[in-house]
């Protein structure tokens, strides 16, 4: 930071040109990426839990599905079974992911983890 004096004799601080240490990314967002990456890199498992739809194959005769055709249940998924590489701020085509999960064998599709208003994850 440097001190500046504007035309109207007002003092303020500004960033030196080329200083990218302060940006629009919040400290909490940066900390979240750091902690997620640490968990992925240092632990043998990385389990996530997500809600998914279950459709009953015998819906017409099923007593549990009589009132609704779709039920929901949580499923646990261990990302470490599929991904062993976690890269930060990796570019994939024209998209830059906060974290990019991949496997060293190339067997599985890469998984981008990004915090935004539309999607939480994208696969490439």
C-alpha atoms as a PDB file:
ATOM      1  CA  UNK A   1       0.000   0.000   0.000  1.00  0.00           C
ATOM      2  CA  UNK A   2       1.128   3.503  -0.709  1.00  0.00           C
ATOM      3  CA  UNK A   3      -0.134   6.843   0.605  1.00  0.00           C
ATOM      4  CA  UNK A   4      -1.566   9.185  -2.035  1.00  0.00           C
ATOM      5  CA  UNK A   5      -2.738  12.783  -2.177  1.00  0.00           C
ATOM      6  CA  UNK A   6      -5.537  13.472  -4.660  1.00  0.00           C
ATOM      7  CA  UNK A   7      -6.316  16.688  -6.532  1.00  0.00           C
ATOM      8  CA  UNK A   8      -8.699  17.885  -3.819  1.00  0.00           C
ATOM      9  CA  UNK A   9      -6.073  17.480  -1.065  1.00  0.00           C
ATOM     10  CA  UNK A  10      -7.564  14.234   0.239  1.00  0.00           C
ATOM     11  CA  UNK A  11      -5.214  11.571   1.497  1.00  0.00           C
ATOM     12  CA  UNK A  12      -5.913   7.887   0.989  1.00  0.00           C
ATOM     13  CA  UNK A  13      -4.140   4.565   0.535  1.00  0.00           C
ATOM     14  CA  UNK A  14      -3.878   2.663  -2.737  1.00  0.00           C
ATOM     15  CA  UNK A  15      -2.312  -0.565  -3.906  1.00  0.00           C
ATOM     16  CA  UNK A  16       1.012  -0.435  -5.704  1.00  0.00           C
ATOM     17  CA  UNK A  17       0.601  -1.301  -9.364  1.00  0.00           C
ATOM     18  CA  UNK A  18       1.025  -5.017  -9.907  1.00  0.00           C
ATOM     19  CA  UNK A  19       0.159  -5.800  -6.266  1.00  0.00           C
ATOM     20  CA  UNK A  20      -2.233  -8.746  -6.405  1.00  0.00           C
ATOM     21  CA  UNK A  21      -2.103  -9.629  -2.719  1.00  0.00           C
ATOM     22  CA  UNK A  22      -5.521  -8.089  -2.199  1.00  0.00           C
ATOM     23  CA  UNK A  23      -8.292  -9.058  -4.575  1.00  0.00           C
ATOM     24  CA  UNK A  24     -12.034  -9.563  -4.778  1.00  0.00           C
ATOM     25  CA  UNK A  25     -11.715 -13.055  -3.331  1.00  0.00           C
ATOM     26  CA  UNK A  26     -12.715 -12.933   0.321  1.00  0.00           C
ATOM     27  CA  UNK A  27     -10.429 -14.221   3.033  1.00  0.00           C
ATOM     28  CA  UNK A  28     -13.095 -16.737   4.088  1.00  0.00           C
ATOM     29  CA  UNK A  29     -13.352 -18.069   0.533  1.00  0.00           C
ATOM     30  CA  UNK A  30      -9.567 -18.418   0.331  1.00  0.00           C
ATOM     31  CA  UNK A  31      -9.489 -20.111   3.754  1.00  0.00           C
ATOM     32  CA  UNK A  32     -12.246 -22.509   2.669  1.00  0.00           C
ATOM     33  CA  UNK A  33     -10.219 -23.571  -0.375  1.00  0.00           C
ATOM     34  CA  UNK A  34      -7.116 -24.006   1.756  1.00  0.00           C
ATOM     35  CA  UNK A  35      -8.930 -26.192   4.305  1.00  0.00           C
ATOM     36  CA  UNK A  36     -10.652 -28.307   1.650  1.00  0.00           C
ATOM     37  CA  UNK A  37      -7.371 -28.901  -0.139  1.00  0.00           C
ATOM     38  CA  UNK A  38      -5.637 -29.784   3.120  1.00  0.00           C
ATOM     39  CA  UNK A  39      -8.371 -32.315   3.943  1.00  0.00           C
ATOM     40  CA  UNK A  40      -8.165 -33.852   0.458  1.00  0.00           C
ATOM     41  CA  UNK A  41      -4.350 -34.003   0.471  1.00  0.00           C
ATOM     42  CA  UNK A  42      -3.746 -35.201   4.033  1.00  0.00           C
ATOM     43  CA  UNK A  43      -6.565 -37.611   4.890  1.00  0.00           C
ATOM     44  CA  UNK A  44      -7.174 -41.125   3.585  1.00  0.00           C
ATOM     45  CA  UNK A  45     -10.897 -40.451   3.065  1.00  0.00           C
ATOM     46  CA  UNK A  46     -12.929 -37.439   2.011  1.00  0.00           C
ATOM     47  CA  UNK A  47     -16.577 -38.306   2.435  1.00  0.00           C
ATOM     48  CA  UNK A  48     -19.378 -36.095   1.215  1.00  0.00           C
ATOM     49  CA  UNK A  49     -23.075 -36.619   1.850  1.00  0.00           C
ATOM     50  CA  UNK A  50     -25.682 -35.577  -0.678  1.00  0.00           C
ATOM     51  CA  UNK A  51     -29.415 -35.869  -1.129  1.00  0.00           C
ATOM     52  CA  UNK A  52     -30.658 -37.776  -4.166  1.00  0.00           C
ATOM     53  CA  UNK A  53     -33.962 -38.971  -5.593  1.00  0.00           C
ATOM     54  CA  UNK A  54     -35.096 -42.583  -5.369  1.00  0.00           C
ATOM     55  CA  UNK A  55     -37.754 -43.769  -7.770  1.00  0.00           C
ATOM     56  CA  UNK A  56     -39.610 -46.920  -6.803  1.00  0.00           C
ATOM     57  CA  UNK A  57     -39.730 -49.511  -9.608  1.00  0.00           C
ATOM     58  CA  UNK A  58     -42.996 -50.888  -8.239  1.00  0.00           C
ATOM     59  CA  UNK A  59     -44.615 -47.533  -7.613  1.00  0.00           C
ATOM     60  CA  UNK A  60     -48.172 -48.645  -8.361  1.00  0.00           C
ATOM     61  CA  UNK A  61     -48.130 -51.402  -5.723  1.00  0.00           C
ATOM     62  CA  UNK A  62     -45.574 -50.041  -3.248  1.00  0.00           C
ATOM     63  CA  UNK A  63     -47.102 -49.020   0.092  1.00  0.00           C
ATOM     64  CA  UNK A  64     -44.215 -46.613   0.790  1.00  0.00           C
ATOM     65  CA  UNK A  65     -44.589 -44.774  -2.508  1.00  0.00           C
ATOM     66  CA  UNK A  66     -48.385 -44.633  -2.574  1.00  0.00           C
ATOM     67  CA  UNK A  67     -48.465 -40.912  -1.832  1.00  0.00           C
ATOM     68  CA  UNK A  68     -45.388 -39.843  -3.775  1.00  0.00           C
ATOM     69  CA  UNK A  69     -43.551 -41.204  -6.773  1.00  0.00           C
ATOM     70  CA  UNK A  70     -40.114 -39.981  -5.688  1.00  0.00           C
ATOM     71  CA  UNK A  71     -38.531 -40.304  -2.279  1.00  0.00           C
ATOM     72  CA  UNK A  72     -35.250 -38.755  -1.208  1.00  0.00           C
ATOM     73  CA  UNK A  73     -32.360 -40.260   0.712  1.00  0.00           C
ATOM     74  CA  UNK A  74     -28.837 -39.284   1.673  1.00  0.00           C
ATOM     75  CA  UNK A  75     -25.914 -41.104   0.146  1.00  0.00           C
ATOM     76  CA  UNK A  76     -22.300 -40.978   1.325  1.00  0.00           C
ATOM     77  CA  UNK A  77     -19.587 -40.782  -1.330  1.00  0.00           C
ATOM     78  CA  UNK A  78     -15.827 -40.988  -0.701  1.00  0.00           C
ATOM     79  CA  UNK A  79     -14.033 -38.724  -3.189  1.00  0.00           C
ATOM     80  CA  UNK A  80     -10.637 -40.243  -2.295  1.00  0.00           C
ATOM     81  CA  UNK A  81     -11.676 -43.571  -3.848  1.00  0.00           C
ATOM     82  CA  UNK A  82     -11.606 -41.835  -7.227  1.00  0.00           C
ATOM     83  CA  UNK A  83      -9.405 -38.742  -6.942  1.00  0.00           C
ATOM     84  CA  UNK A  84      -5.840 -38.498  -5.616  1.00  0.00           C
ATOM     85  CA  UNK A  85      -4.783 -35.099  -7.032  1.00  0.00           C
ATOM     86  CA  UNK A  86      -6.118 -31.738  -5.875  1.00  0.00           C
ATOM     87  CA  UNK A  87      -4.926 -28.642  -7.751  1.00  0.00           C
ATOM     88  CA  UNK A  88      -5.767 -25.076  -6.749  1.00  0.00           C
ATOM     89  CA  UNK A  89      -6.936 -22.434  -9.265  1.00  0.00           C
ATOM     90  CA  UNK A  90      -6.568 -24.777 -12.226  1.00  0.00           C
ATOM     91  CA  UNK A  91      -7.770 -23.748 -15.666  1.00  0.00           C
ATOM     92  CA  UNK A  92      -9.939 -26.231 -17.575  1.00  0.00           C
ATOM     93  CA  UNK A  93     -10.759 -25.010 -21.083  1.00  0.00           C
ATOM     94  CA  UNK A  94     -12.100 -21.466 -20.554  1.00  0.00           C
ATOM     95  CA  UNK A  95     -13.032 -22.068 -16.900  1.00  0.00           C
ATOM     96  CA  UNK A  96     -10.888 -21.637 -13.785  1.00  0.00           C
ATOM     97  CA  UNK A  97     -11.851 -23.916 -10.889  1.00  0.00           C
ATOM     98  CA  UNK A  98     -11.197 -23.097  -7.239  1.00  0.00           C
ATOM     99  CA  UNK A  99     -10.076 -26.716  -6.838  1.00  0.00           C
ATOM    100  CA  UNK A 100      -9.694 -29.369  -9.521  1.00  0.00           C
ATOM    101  CA  UNK A 101      -9.829 -33.008  -8.483  1.00  0.00           C
ATOM    102  CA  UNK A 102      -8.333 -35.618 -10.782  1.00  0.00           C
ATOM    103  CA  UNK A 103      -6.811 -39.064 -10.622  1.00  0.00           C
ATOM    104  CA  UNK A 104      -3.283 -39.903 -11.719  1.00  0.00           C
ATOM    105  CA  UNK A 105      -4.497 -42.688 -14.020  1.00  0.00           C
ATOM    106  CA  UNK A 106      -6.918 -40.490 -15.983  1.00  0.00           C
ATOM    107  CA  UNK A 107      -9.638 -43.110 -15.539  1.00  0.00           C
ATOM    108  CA  UNK A 108     -12.209 -40.707 -14.044  1.00  0.00           C
ATOM    109  CA  UNK A 109     -13.513 -37.367 -15.252  1.00  0.00           C
ATOM    110  CA  UNK A 110     -11.987 -34.358 -13.546  1.00  0.00           C
ATOM    111  CA  UNK A 111     -14.169 -32.682 -10.944  1.00  0.00           C
ATOM    112  CA  UNK A 112     -14.146 -28.898 -10.492  1.00  0.00           C
ATOM    113  CA  UNK A 113     -15.130 -27.501  -7.116  1.00  0.00           C
ATOM    114  CA  UNK A 114     -16.263 -23.910  -7.350  1.00  0.00           C
ATOM    115  CA  UNK A 115     -18.339 -21.680  -5.131  1.00  0.00           C
ATOM    116  CA  UNK A 116     -20.816 -19.698  -7.202  1.00  0.00           C
ATOM    117  CA  UNK A 117     -24.518 -19.023  -7.375  1.00  0.00           C
ATOM    118  CA  UNK A 118     -25.276 -21.492 -10.169  1.00  0.00           C
ATOM    119  CA  UNK A 119     -23.332 -24.704  -9.486  1.00  0.00           C
ATOM    120  CA  UNK A 120     -21.176 -26.082  -6.760  1.00  0.00           C
ATOM    121  CA  UNK A 121     -19.409 -28.658  -8.887  1.00  0.00           C
ATOM    122  CA  UNK A 122     -18.739 -29.161 -12.565  1.00  0.00           C
ATOM    123  CA  UNK A 123     -17.306 -32.179 -14.325  1.00  0.00           C
ATOM    124  CA  UNK A 124     -15.014 -32.025 -17.349  1.00  0.00           C
END
